[in-house]
N, C-alpha and C. Protein backbone atom coordinates (compact mmCIF):
# COMPACT_ATOMS: atom_id res chain seq x y z
N UNK A 1 -38.72 31.22 43.09
CA UNK A 1 -37.35 31.21 43.58
C UNK A 1 -36.78 29.80 43.61
N UNK A 2 -37.64 28.83 44.10
CA UNK A 2 -37.17 27.45 44.16
C UNK A 2 -36.85 26.90 42.78
N UNK A 3 -37.61 27.37 41.80
CA UNK A 3 -37.33 26.93 40.42
C UNK A 3 -35.95 27.37 39.99
N UNK A 4 -35.57 28.58 40.35
CA UNK A 4 -34.23 29.08 40.01
C UNK A 4 -33.15 28.26 40.70
N UNK A 5 -33.41 27.89 41.96
CA UNK A 5 -32.42 27.09 42.70
C UNK A 5 -32.25 25.73 42.05
N UNK A 6 -33.40 25.11 41.63
CA UNK A 6 -33.31 23.79 40.98
C UNK A 6 -32.51 23.88 39.69
N UNK A 7 -32.72 24.94 38.93
CA UNK A 7 -31.96 25.13 37.68
C UNK A 7 -30.48 25.26 37.98
N UNK A 8 -30.13 26.01 39.04
CA UNK A 8 -28.73 26.20 39.39
C UNK A 8 -28.09 24.89 39.81
N UNK A 9 -28.82 24.09 40.62
CA UNK A 9 -28.28 22.80 41.07
C UNK A 9 -28.05 21.88 39.88
N UNK A 10 -29.01 21.82 38.96
CA UNK A 10 -28.86 20.97 37.78
C UNK A 10 -27.67 21.40 36.93
N UNK A 11 -27.48 22.72 36.83
CA UNK A 11 -26.35 23.22 36.05
C UNK A 11 -25.03 22.81 36.67
N UNK A 12 -24.95 22.88 38.01
CA UNK A 12 -23.72 22.49 38.70
C UNK A 12 -23.46 21.00 38.59
N UNK A 13 -24.54 20.20 38.59
CA UNK A 13 -24.37 18.75 38.51
C UNK A 13 -23.91 18.30 37.13
N UNK A 14 -24.35 19.01 36.11
CA UNK A 14 -24.01 18.58 34.74
C UNK A 14 -22.74 19.23 34.22
N UNK A 15 -22.27 20.28 34.88
CA UNK A 15 -21.05 20.94 34.42
C UNK A 15 -19.84 20.12 34.80
N UNK A 16 -18.81 20.14 33.97
CA UNK A 16 -17.55 19.47 34.30
C UNK A 16 -16.84 20.21 35.40
N UNK A 17 -15.97 19.55 36.14
CA UNK A 17 -15.23 20.21 37.20
C UNK A 17 -14.33 21.29 36.65
N UNK A 18 -14.18 22.36 37.41
CA UNK A 18 -13.38 23.49 36.95
C UNK A 18 -11.94 23.09 36.72
N UNK A 19 -11.37 22.23 37.62
CA UNK A 19 -9.96 21.87 37.49
C UNK A 19 -9.69 21.03 36.25
N UNK A 20 -10.72 20.42 35.68
CA UNK A 20 -10.52 19.61 34.47
C UNK A 20 -10.23 20.50 33.27
N UNK A 21 -10.66 21.76 33.35
CA UNK A 21 -10.45 22.67 32.23
C UNK A 21 -9.12 23.40 32.33
N UNK A 22 -8.61 23.53 33.57
CA UNK A 22 -7.35 24.24 33.78
C UNK A 22 -6.37 23.31 34.49
N UNK A 23 -5.33 22.84 33.83
CA UNK A 23 -4.39 21.93 34.46
C UNK A 23 -3.80 22.54 35.72
N UNK A 24 -3.55 21.68 36.72
CA UNK A 24 -2.98 22.17 37.97
C UNK A 24 -1.58 22.70 37.75
N UNK A 25 -0.85 22.07 36.84
CA UNK A 25 0.51 22.52 36.53
C UNK A 25 0.66 22.61 35.03
N UNK A 26 1.41 23.59 34.58
CA UNK A 26 1.64 23.75 33.14
C UNK A 26 2.50 22.61 32.63
N UNK A 27 2.31 22.17 31.39
CA UNK A 27 3.14 21.10 30.83
C UNK A 27 4.60 21.53 30.79
N UNK A 28 5.48 20.54 31.00
CA UNK A 28 6.91 20.85 31.02
C UNK A 28 7.35 21.44 29.68
N UNK A 29 8.17 22.44 29.76
CA UNK A 29 8.70 23.07 28.55
C UNK A 29 9.67 22.11 27.88
N UNK A 30 9.53 21.88 26.57
CA UNK A 30 10.44 20.96 25.88
C UNK A 30 11.90 21.39 26.00
N UNK A 31 12.77 20.42 26.18
CA UNK A 31 14.21 20.69 26.23
C UNK A 31 14.70 20.93 24.80
N UNK A 32 15.43 22.00 24.60
CA UNK A 32 16.00 22.29 23.29
C UNK A 32 17.28 21.47 23.12
N UNK A 33 17.23 20.51 22.22
CA UNK A 33 18.34 19.57 22.04
C UNK A 33 18.83 19.59 20.60
N UNK A 34 20.14 19.48 20.43
CA UNK A 34 20.77 19.40 19.11
C UNK A 34 21.61 18.14 19.04
N UNK A 35 21.52 17.43 17.93
CA UNK A 35 22.44 16.32 17.66
C UNK A 35 23.50 16.83 16.70
N UNK A 36 24.71 17.00 17.21
CA UNK A 36 25.84 17.48 16.40
C UNK A 36 26.60 16.25 15.91
N UNK A 37 26.47 15.96 14.62
CA UNK A 37 27.07 14.72 14.16
C UNK A 37 27.44 14.72 12.69
N UNK A 38 27.71 13.51 12.21
CA UNK A 38 28.08 13.29 10.81
C UNK A 38 26.94 12.53 10.13
N UNK A 39 27.26 11.80 9.07
CA UNK A 39 26.21 11.12 8.31
C UNK A 39 25.50 10.02 9.10
N UNK A 40 26.15 9.49 10.12
CA UNK A 40 25.53 8.42 10.90
C UNK A 40 24.29 8.91 11.64
N UNK A 41 24.36 10.13 12.14
CA UNK A 41 23.19 10.70 12.82
C UNK A 41 22.36 11.57 11.87
N UNK A 42 23.00 12.12 10.84
CA UNK A 42 22.26 12.96 9.88
C UNK A 42 21.21 12.16 9.14
N UNK A 43 21.50 10.86 8.91
CA UNK A 43 20.53 10.00 8.23
C UNK A 43 20.80 9.85 6.74
N UNK A 44 22.07 9.74 6.36
CA UNK A 44 22.41 9.56 4.95
C UNK A 44 21.66 8.35 4.39
N UNK A 45 20.99 8.56 3.25
CA UNK A 45 20.26 7.48 2.60
C UNK A 45 18.88 7.20 3.17
N UNK A 46 18.48 7.98 4.17
CA UNK A 46 17.18 7.79 4.81
C UNK A 46 16.33 9.05 4.67
N UNK A 47 15.03 8.89 4.84
CA UNK A 47 14.17 10.07 4.89
C UNK A 47 14.39 10.77 6.22
N UNK A 48 14.07 12.05 6.27
CA UNK A 48 14.28 12.82 7.50
C UNK A 48 13.58 12.20 8.71
N UNK A 49 12.34 11.71 8.57
CA UNK A 49 11.68 11.11 9.74
C UNK A 49 12.33 9.82 10.22
N UNK A 50 13.17 9.19 9.37
CA UNK A 50 13.81 7.93 9.75
C UNK A 50 15.20 8.14 10.33
N UNK A 51 15.70 9.37 10.31
CA UNK A 51 17.03 9.66 10.83
C UNK A 51 17.05 9.61 12.35
N UNK A 52 18.23 9.45 12.91
CA UNK A 52 18.39 9.29 14.35
C UNK A 52 17.72 10.38 15.18
N UNK A 53 17.92 11.68 14.89
CA UNK A 53 17.29 12.70 15.73
C UNK A 53 15.77 12.59 15.78
N UNK A 54 15.15 12.37 14.63
CA UNK A 54 13.69 12.27 14.58
C UNK A 54 13.19 11.04 15.31
N UNK A 55 13.88 9.92 15.13
CA UNK A 55 13.46 8.68 15.79
C UNK A 55 13.67 8.77 17.30
N UNK A 56 14.74 9.43 17.72
CA UNK A 56 14.97 9.61 19.15
C UNK A 56 13.90 10.52 19.75
N UNK A 57 13.57 11.59 19.04
CA UNK A 57 12.52 12.49 19.51
C UNK A 57 11.20 11.75 19.69
N UNK A 58 10.86 10.89 18.73
CA UNK A 58 9.61 10.13 18.83
C UNK A 58 9.65 9.15 20.00
N UNK A 59 10.79 8.48 20.18
CA UNK A 59 10.91 7.53 21.28
C UNK A 59 10.75 8.22 22.63
N UNK A 60 11.31 9.42 22.73
CA UNK A 60 11.17 10.19 23.97
C UNK A 60 9.72 10.64 24.16
N UNK A 61 9.10 11.10 23.07
CA UNK A 61 7.70 11.55 23.15
C UNK A 61 6.79 10.41 23.58
N UNK A 62 7.08 9.20 23.11
CA UNK A 62 6.28 8.03 23.48
C UNK A 62 6.35 7.76 24.98
N UNK A 63 7.41 8.26 25.63
CA UNK A 63 7.56 8.09 27.07
C UNK A 63 7.18 9.36 27.83
N UNK A 64 6.57 10.30 27.11
CA UNK A 64 6.10 11.52 27.75
C UNK A 64 7.17 12.57 27.97
N UNK A 65 8.30 12.43 27.27
CA UNK A 65 9.40 13.38 27.42
C UNK A 65 9.46 14.27 26.18
N UNK A 66 9.27 15.56 26.38
CA UNK A 66 9.20 16.49 25.25
C UNK A 66 10.57 17.12 24.98
N UNK A 67 11.00 17.05 23.74
CA UNK A 67 12.23 17.72 23.33
C UNK A 67 11.98 18.47 22.02
N UNK A 68 12.64 19.58 21.89
CA UNK A 68 12.64 20.35 20.64
C UNK A 68 13.96 20.01 19.95
N UNK A 69 13.90 19.04 19.03
CA UNK A 69 15.11 18.42 18.47
C UNK A 69 15.55 19.08 17.16
N UNK A 70 16.86 19.30 17.05
CA UNK A 70 17.46 19.80 15.81
C UNK A 70 18.49 18.81 15.31
N UNK A 71 18.39 18.44 14.05
CA UNK A 71 19.36 17.56 13.41
C UNK A 71 20.47 18.42 12.82
N UNK A 72 21.61 18.46 13.50
CA UNK A 72 22.77 19.22 13.01
C UNK A 72 23.85 18.26 12.54
N UNK A 73 23.42 17.20 11.87
CA UNK A 73 24.37 16.26 11.29
C UNK A 73 24.75 16.68 9.88
N UNK A 74 26.02 16.56 9.55
CA UNK A 74 26.52 16.90 8.22
C UNK A 74 27.31 15.71 7.68
N UNK A 75 26.87 15.16 6.57
CA UNK A 75 27.55 14.00 5.99
C UNK A 75 28.99 14.34 5.64
N UNK A 76 29.88 13.44 5.99
CA UNK A 76 31.30 13.62 5.70
C UNK A 76 32.05 14.42 6.74
N UNK A 77 31.34 14.92 7.74
CA UNK A 77 31.99 15.79 8.72
C UNK A 77 32.96 15.03 9.61
N UNK A 78 34.05 15.69 9.95
CA UNK A 78 35.00 15.19 10.94
C UNK A 78 34.81 15.96 12.23
N UNK A 79 35.56 15.59 13.25
CA UNK A 79 35.48 16.35 14.50
C UNK A 79 35.93 17.79 14.28
N UNK A 80 36.91 17.99 13.41
CA UNK A 80 37.37 19.36 13.12
C UNK A 80 36.28 20.15 12.41
N UNK A 81 35.54 19.50 11.52
CA UNK A 81 34.44 20.17 10.84
C UNK A 81 33.34 20.56 11.81
N UNK A 82 33.04 19.65 12.74
CA UNK A 82 32.04 19.96 13.76
C UNK A 82 32.46 21.12 14.63
N UNK A 83 33.73 21.14 14.96
CA UNK A 83 34.26 22.27 15.76
C UNK A 83 34.13 23.58 15.00
N UNK A 84 34.46 23.56 13.72
CA UNK A 84 34.46 24.80 12.94
C UNK A 84 33.07 25.38 12.74
N UNK A 85 32.05 24.54 12.77
CA UNK A 85 30.68 25.03 12.57
C UNK A 85 29.88 25.06 13.87
N UNK A 86 30.55 24.90 14.98
CA UNK A 86 29.86 24.75 16.26
C UNK A 86 28.93 25.92 16.57
N UNK A 87 29.41 27.13 16.39
CA UNK A 87 28.62 28.30 16.82
C UNK A 87 27.30 28.42 16.07
N UNK A 88 27.32 28.17 14.76
CA UNK A 88 26.06 28.30 14.01
C UNK A 88 25.24 27.02 14.02
N UNK A 89 25.85 25.91 14.39
CA UNK A 89 25.08 24.66 14.49
C UNK A 89 24.33 24.55 15.82
N UNK A 90 24.85 25.22 16.84
CA UNK A 90 24.24 25.16 18.17
C UNK A 90 23.70 26.55 18.50
N UNK A 91 22.43 26.82 18.22
CA UNK A 91 21.88 28.17 18.41
C UNK A 91 21.73 28.53 19.88
N UNK A 92 21.61 29.82 20.13
CA UNK A 92 21.34 30.30 21.49
C UNK A 92 20.06 29.66 22.01
N UNK A 93 20.05 29.34 23.27
CA UNK A 93 18.88 28.72 23.87
C UNK A 93 18.96 27.21 23.92
N UNK A 94 19.96 26.63 23.25
CA UNK A 94 20.14 25.17 23.30
C UNK A 94 20.50 24.75 24.72
N UNK A 95 19.85 23.70 25.19
CA UNK A 95 20.10 23.21 26.55
C UNK A 95 20.91 21.92 26.58
N UNK A 96 20.83 21.14 25.51
CA UNK A 96 21.48 19.84 25.49
C UNK A 96 22.00 19.52 24.10
N UNK A 97 23.17 18.90 24.05
CA UNK A 97 23.77 18.50 22.78
C UNK A 97 24.24 17.05 22.88
N UNK A 98 23.88 16.26 21.90
CA UNK A 98 24.47 14.93 21.73
C UNK A 98 25.56 15.07 20.69
N UNK A 99 26.79 14.80 21.07
CA UNK A 99 27.93 14.92 20.16
C UNK A 99 28.23 13.54 19.59
N UNK A 100 28.05 13.40 18.28
CA UNK A 100 28.31 12.13 17.58
C UNK A 100 29.25 12.45 16.42
N UNK A 101 30.52 12.44 16.70
CA UNK A 101 31.54 12.77 15.70
C UNK A 101 32.77 11.89 15.90
N UNK A 102 33.48 11.65 14.81
CA UNK A 102 34.73 10.90 14.90
C UNK A 102 34.83 9.72 13.96
N UNK A 103 33.70 9.27 13.42
CA UNK A 103 33.75 8.12 12.51
C UNK A 103 34.59 8.42 11.28
N UNK A 104 34.42 9.61 10.71
CA UNK A 104 35.19 9.96 9.51
C UNK A 104 36.66 10.19 9.83
N UNK A 105 36.96 10.65 11.03
CA UNK A 105 38.36 10.76 11.45
C UNK A 105 39.02 9.39 11.39
N UNK A 106 38.33 8.40 11.98
CA UNK A 106 38.89 7.05 12.03
C UNK A 106 38.99 6.42 10.65
N UNK A 107 37.97 6.63 9.82
CA UNK A 107 37.99 6.04 8.48
C UNK A 107 39.11 6.62 7.62
N UNK A 108 39.44 7.90 7.86
CA UNK A 108 40.49 8.56 7.07
C UNK A 108 41.87 8.47 7.72
N UNK A 109 41.95 7.86 8.87
CA UNK A 109 43.23 7.72 9.54
C UNK A 109 43.79 9.04 10.06
N UNK A 110 42.92 9.97 10.39
CA UNK A 110 43.37 11.26 10.94
C UNK A 110 44.07 11.03 12.27
N UNK A 111 45.15 11.75 12.49
CA UNK A 111 45.91 11.62 13.73
C UNK A 111 44.97 11.76 14.93
N UNK A 112 44.95 10.78 15.83
CA UNK A 112 44.09 10.87 17.00
C UNK A 112 44.32 12.13 17.83
N UNK A 113 45.52 12.69 17.77
CA UNK A 113 45.77 13.93 18.51
C UNK A 113 44.93 15.07 17.95
N UNK A 114 44.71 15.06 16.63
CA UNK A 114 43.88 16.09 15.99
C UNK A 114 42.42 15.90 16.41
N UNK A 115 41.97 14.65 16.41
CA UNK A 115 40.60 14.35 16.83
C UNK A 115 40.38 14.76 18.28
N UNK A 116 41.33 14.41 19.12
CA UNK A 116 41.22 14.76 20.54
C UNK A 116 41.15 16.27 20.73
N UNK A 117 41.99 17.00 20.01
CA UNK A 117 42.01 18.46 20.16
C UNK A 117 40.68 19.08 19.72
N UNK A 118 40.12 18.57 18.63
CA UNK A 118 38.85 19.11 18.13
C UNK A 118 37.71 18.83 19.11
N UNK A 119 37.64 17.61 19.61
CA UNK A 119 36.59 17.27 20.57
C UNK A 119 36.77 18.05 21.87
N UNK A 120 38.01 18.24 22.28
CA UNK A 120 38.28 19.03 23.48
C UNK A 120 37.76 20.45 23.32
N UNK A 121 37.99 21.02 22.15
CA UNK A 121 37.52 22.38 21.89
C UNK A 121 35.99 22.44 21.89
N UNK A 122 35.36 21.45 21.28
CA UNK A 122 33.89 21.40 21.26
C UNK A 122 33.34 21.34 22.68
N UNK A 123 33.87 20.44 23.49
CA UNK A 123 33.38 20.28 24.86
C UNK A 123 33.66 21.51 25.71
N UNK A 124 34.82 22.11 25.50
CA UNK A 124 35.18 23.32 26.25
C UNK A 124 34.21 24.45 25.95
N UNK A 125 33.92 24.64 24.69
CA UNK A 125 33.03 25.75 24.29
C UNK A 125 31.59 25.52 24.71
N UNK A 126 31.13 24.28 24.65
CA UNK A 126 29.77 23.99 25.11
C UNK A 126 29.66 24.15 26.62
N UNK A 127 30.70 23.75 27.33
CA UNK A 127 30.71 23.93 28.78
C UNK A 127 30.67 25.41 29.14
N UNK A 128 31.41 26.23 28.40
CA UNK A 128 31.42 27.67 28.65
C UNK A 128 30.04 28.28 28.43
N UNK A 129 29.27 27.68 27.53
CA UNK A 129 27.91 28.16 27.26
C UNK A 129 26.87 27.51 28.18
N UNK A 130 27.35 26.69 29.11
CA UNK A 130 26.48 26.01 30.07
C UNK A 130 25.45 25.11 29.38
N UNK A 131 25.92 24.43 28.34
CA UNK A 131 25.08 23.48 27.60
C UNK A 131 25.48 22.07 28.00
N UNK A 132 24.51 21.26 28.41
CA UNK A 132 24.79 19.88 28.80
C UNK A 132 25.15 19.05 27.57
N UNK A 133 26.07 18.11 27.76
CA UNK A 133 26.56 17.30 26.64
C UNK A 133 26.47 15.82 26.98
N UNK A 134 26.01 15.04 26.01
CA UNK A 134 26.13 13.59 26.04
C UNK A 134 27.08 13.23 24.90
N UNK A 135 28.20 12.62 25.24
CA UNK A 135 29.22 12.29 24.25
C UNK A 135 29.05 10.85 23.77
N UNK A 136 29.00 10.68 22.45
CA UNK A 136 28.91 9.34 21.86
C UNK A 136 30.28 8.92 21.36
N UNK A 137 30.72 7.77 21.80
CA UNK A 137 32.03 7.28 21.39
C UNK A 137 32.00 6.59 20.04
N UNK A 138 33.18 6.46 19.48
CA UNK A 138 33.36 5.77 18.21
C UNK A 138 34.55 4.82 18.36
N UNK A 139 34.57 3.77 17.56
CA UNK A 139 35.64 2.78 17.61
C UNK A 139 36.36 2.76 16.27
N UNK A 140 37.68 2.80 16.31
CA UNK A 140 38.47 2.81 15.08
C UNK A 140 38.45 1.44 14.41
N UNK A 141 38.39 1.40 13.08
CA UNK A 141 38.48 0.12 12.36
C UNK A 141 39.89 -0.43 12.51
N UNK A 142 40.07 -1.73 12.28
CA UNK A 142 41.38 -2.34 12.53
C UNK A 142 42.44 -2.08 11.46
N UNK A 143 42.05 -1.47 10.33
CA UNK A 143 42.99 -1.40 9.21
C UNK A 143 44.17 -0.46 9.43
N UNK A 144 44.11 0.41 10.45
CA UNK A 144 45.25 1.30 10.72
C UNK A 144 46.15 0.76 11.83
N UNK A 145 45.87 -0.43 12.28
CA UNK A 145 46.74 -1.06 13.27
C UNK A 145 46.28 -0.85 14.70
N UNK A 146 46.83 -1.68 15.58
CA UNK A 146 46.41 -1.67 16.98
C UNK A 146 46.83 -0.41 17.72
N UNK A 147 47.99 0.15 17.36
CA UNK A 147 48.45 1.37 18.04
C UNK A 147 47.51 2.53 17.75
N UNK A 148 47.15 2.68 16.47
CA UNK A 148 46.21 3.75 16.10
C UNK A 148 44.89 3.54 16.82
N UNK A 149 44.37 2.31 16.80
CA UNK A 149 43.08 2.03 17.43
C UNK A 149 43.11 2.33 18.92
N UNK A 150 44.20 1.97 19.58
CA UNK A 150 44.30 2.22 21.02
C UNK A 150 44.29 3.71 21.32
N UNK A 151 45.03 4.47 20.52
CA UNK A 151 45.08 5.93 20.74
C UNK A 151 43.73 6.58 20.44
N UNK A 152 43.09 6.13 19.38
CA UNK A 152 41.79 6.71 19.00
C UNK A 152 40.70 6.33 20.00
N UNK A 153 40.62 5.06 20.33
CA UNK A 153 39.52 4.58 21.18
C UNK A 153 39.58 5.15 22.59
N UNK A 154 40.78 5.56 23.01
CA UNK A 154 40.94 6.11 24.36
C UNK A 154 40.41 7.54 24.48
N UNK A 155 40.22 8.20 23.35
CA UNK A 155 39.84 9.62 23.37
C UNK A 155 38.53 9.84 24.12
N UNK A 156 37.52 9.07 23.79
CA UNK A 156 36.17 9.34 24.29
C UNK A 156 36.02 9.12 25.80
N UNK A 157 36.45 7.97 26.34
CA UNK A 157 36.33 7.81 27.80
C UNK A 157 37.18 8.80 28.58
N UNK A 158 38.34 9.14 28.04
CA UNK A 158 39.21 10.08 28.75
C UNK A 158 38.62 11.49 28.76
N UNK A 159 38.05 11.92 27.64
CA UNK A 159 37.44 13.25 27.60
C UNK A 159 36.16 13.30 28.43
N UNK A 160 35.38 12.23 28.39
CA UNK A 160 34.16 12.19 29.20
C UNK A 160 34.49 12.32 30.68
N UNK A 161 35.53 11.64 31.11
CA UNK A 161 35.95 11.73 32.51
C UNK A 161 36.48 13.11 32.83
N UNK A 162 37.29 13.66 31.93
CA UNK A 162 37.89 14.97 32.16
C UNK A 162 36.84 16.07 32.27
N UNK A 163 35.82 16.01 31.42
CA UNK A 163 34.80 17.06 31.40
C UNK A 163 33.58 16.72 32.26
N UNK A 164 33.54 15.52 32.80
CA UNK A 164 32.41 15.14 33.64
C UNK A 164 31.10 15.03 32.89
N UNK A 165 31.17 14.51 31.65
CA UNK A 165 29.95 14.36 30.85
C UNK A 165 29.66 12.88 30.66
N UNK A 166 28.38 12.52 30.48
CA UNK A 166 28.04 11.12 30.25
C UNK A 166 28.55 10.64 28.90
N UNK A 167 28.96 9.38 28.86
CA UNK A 167 29.50 8.78 27.64
C UNK A 167 28.68 7.57 27.24
N UNK A 168 28.19 7.59 26.00
CA UNK A 168 27.63 6.38 25.40
C UNK A 168 28.78 5.77 24.61
N UNK A 169 29.33 4.65 25.05
CA UNK A 169 30.63 4.19 24.56
C UNK A 169 30.78 4.01 23.05
N UNK A 170 29.75 3.47 22.38
CA UNK A 170 29.88 3.22 20.94
C UNK A 170 28.54 3.48 20.28
N UNK A 171 28.47 4.51 19.46
CA UNK A 171 27.21 4.93 18.86
C UNK A 171 26.56 3.82 18.05
N UNK A 172 27.36 2.98 17.38
CA UNK A 172 26.82 1.94 16.50
C UNK A 172 26.69 0.59 17.19
N UNK A 173 26.68 0.58 18.50
CA UNK A 173 26.56 -0.67 19.26
C UNK A 173 25.33 -1.45 18.80
N UNK A 174 25.55 -2.74 18.48
CA UNK A 174 24.45 -3.60 18.07
C UNK A 174 24.08 -3.49 16.60
N UNK A 175 24.75 -2.58 15.89
CA UNK A 175 24.42 -2.33 14.47
C UNK A 175 25.64 -2.50 13.57
N UNK A 176 26.79 -2.06 14.02
CA UNK A 176 28.01 -2.12 13.20
C UNK A 176 28.29 -3.55 12.74
N UNK A 177 28.67 -3.67 11.48
CA UNK A 177 29.08 -4.94 10.86
C UNK A 177 27.93 -5.94 10.69
N UNK A 178 26.71 -5.53 10.94
CA UNK A 178 25.56 -6.40 10.70
C UNK A 178 24.94 -6.00 9.36
N UNK A 179 25.12 -6.84 8.36
CA UNK A 179 24.67 -6.50 7.01
C UNK A 179 23.18 -6.21 6.94
N UNK A 180 22.40 -6.87 7.78
CA UNK A 180 20.94 -6.68 7.75
C UNK A 180 20.53 -5.31 8.27
N UNK A 181 21.40 -4.67 9.03
CA UNK A 181 21.06 -3.40 9.67
C UNK A 181 21.79 -2.22 9.06
N UNK A 182 22.54 -2.49 7.98
CA UNK A 182 23.27 -1.42 7.31
C UNK A 182 22.92 -1.37 5.83
N UNK A 183 23.10 -0.19 5.26
CA UNK A 183 22.85 0.00 3.84
C UNK A 183 23.93 -0.72 3.03
N UNK A 184 23.83 -0.64 1.72
CA UNK A 184 24.73 -1.39 0.84
C UNK A 184 26.20 -1.05 1.06
N UNK A 185 26.49 0.17 1.56
CA UNK A 185 27.89 0.54 1.79
C UNK A 185 28.48 -0.12 3.02
N UNK A 186 27.65 -0.77 3.82
CA UNK A 186 28.14 -1.46 5.01
C UNK A 186 28.52 -0.54 6.15
N UNK A 187 28.24 0.74 6.01
CA UNK A 187 28.64 1.74 7.01
C UNK A 187 27.44 2.43 7.65
N UNK A 188 26.51 2.84 6.81
CA UNK A 188 25.40 3.66 7.30
C UNK A 188 24.18 2.80 7.64
N UNK A 189 23.60 3.02 8.81
CA UNK A 189 22.47 2.19 9.25
C UNK A 189 21.24 2.35 8.37
N UNK A 190 20.50 1.28 8.25
CA UNK A 190 19.17 1.34 7.65
C UNK A 190 18.21 1.93 8.68
N UNK A 191 16.96 2.10 8.28
CA UNK A 191 15.96 2.60 9.23
C UNK A 191 15.84 1.65 10.43
N UNK A 192 15.92 0.35 10.16
CA UNK A 192 15.86 -0.63 11.24
C UNK A 192 17.09 -0.50 12.15
N UNK A 193 18.24 -0.24 11.54
CA UNK A 193 19.45 -0.05 12.32
C UNK A 193 19.35 1.17 13.22
N UNK A 194 18.80 2.25 12.68
CA UNK A 194 18.62 3.47 13.48
C UNK A 194 17.72 3.19 14.68
N UNK A 195 16.67 2.42 14.47
CA UNK A 195 15.76 2.12 15.57
C UNK A 195 16.46 1.34 16.68
N UNK A 196 17.40 0.48 16.31
CA UNK A 196 18.16 -0.25 17.32
C UNK A 196 19.08 0.69 18.08
N UNK A 197 19.73 1.61 17.36
CA UNK A 197 20.58 2.60 18.02
C UNK A 197 19.75 3.40 19.03
N UNK A 198 18.57 3.83 18.60
CA UNK A 198 17.70 4.61 19.49
C UNK A 198 17.30 3.79 20.71
N UNK A 199 16.92 2.55 20.49
CA UNK A 199 16.52 1.68 21.61
C UNK A 199 17.66 1.52 22.61
N UNK A 200 18.87 1.35 22.11
CA UNK A 200 20.01 1.12 22.99
C UNK A 200 20.42 2.37 23.77
N UNK A 201 20.35 3.52 23.13
CA UNK A 201 20.82 4.75 23.76
C UNK A 201 19.74 5.43 24.61
N UNK A 202 18.49 5.04 24.40
CA UNK A 202 17.36 5.73 25.03
C UNK A 202 17.47 5.84 26.55
N UNK A 203 17.80 4.76 27.28
CA UNK A 203 17.89 4.90 28.74
C UNK A 203 18.90 5.95 29.18
N UNK A 204 20.03 6.04 28.48
CA UNK A 204 21.03 7.04 28.84
C UNK A 204 20.53 8.45 28.52
N UNK A 205 19.83 8.60 27.40
CA UNK A 205 19.30 9.92 27.06
C UNK A 205 18.23 10.35 28.07
N UNK A 206 17.41 9.40 28.50
CA UNK A 206 16.40 9.72 29.53
C UNK A 206 17.07 10.23 30.80
N UNK A 207 18.10 9.53 31.26
CA UNK A 207 18.80 9.95 32.47
C UNK A 207 19.47 11.30 32.27
N UNK A 208 20.03 11.50 31.10
CA UNK A 208 20.69 12.76 30.74
C UNK A 208 19.69 13.92 30.80
N UNK A 209 18.53 13.73 30.22
CA UNK A 209 17.51 14.78 30.23
C UNK A 209 16.96 15.00 31.63
N UNK A 210 16.96 13.94 32.44
CA UNK A 210 16.50 14.08 33.82
C UNK A 210 17.36 15.03 34.62
N UNK A 211 18.67 15.03 34.35
CA UNK A 211 19.55 15.96 35.06
C UNK A 211 19.27 17.40 34.65
N UNK A 212 18.89 17.59 33.39
CA UNK A 212 18.57 18.95 32.92
C UNK A 212 17.28 19.44 33.55
N UNK A 213 16.28 18.57 33.62
CA UNK A 213 15.01 18.94 34.25
C UNK A 213 15.22 19.28 35.71
N UNK A 214 16.12 18.53 36.37
CA UNK A 214 16.41 18.82 37.77
C UNK A 214 17.06 20.17 37.97
N UNK A 215 17.91 20.57 37.02
CA UNK A 215 18.57 21.87 37.11
C UNK A 215 17.59 23.01 36.86
N UNK A 216 16.53 22.75 36.08
CA UNK A 216 15.53 23.78 35.80
C UNK A 216 14.73 24.13 37.05
N UNK A 217 14.43 23.11 37.88
CA UNK A 217 13.54 23.31 39.02
C UNK A 217 14.27 23.93 40.21
């Protein structure tokens, strides 16, 4: 009998703890996130892993934040184009959307009233679906004059305030007009440029995702 007891004690001493095999809490479910954008976020001229959505997902993962990321960027898209494809670009179950649209509106000199209306519709429809939004601002180039720039640049902060959504003021902050960080066209970021965008926006995205996690609990 004592031999059996010794065997049992040895087995218990050499076995790993039970809790090490079964986590005390299940891992957090990844947030379903979509980047609704144009070529700047789609990654024109870059490989898919080097595009903004993929690099942002990796940066978040490196900090232990899990997201199920979808790149819904379309090269050449305007805010009106993003609005028109909103329903099929943002699938059911999406919890968070980063809206990065407006650069092509500004480059083409589209009436800021049209841009404002399209973004308003996008934000209204996402709000109705109870999807959290982080709005990325854009800055108009100077070639259409100061009046156009003032009307265009005011769209993003005013809509962010109106809808109560976080605003990242300028998506290309730290990258725009830097030849070393842009491709030959001077518009689209290189892989290094994308990494700077991700580094700059990351703290805001972390805070944004934190509000979603808080709403889940």
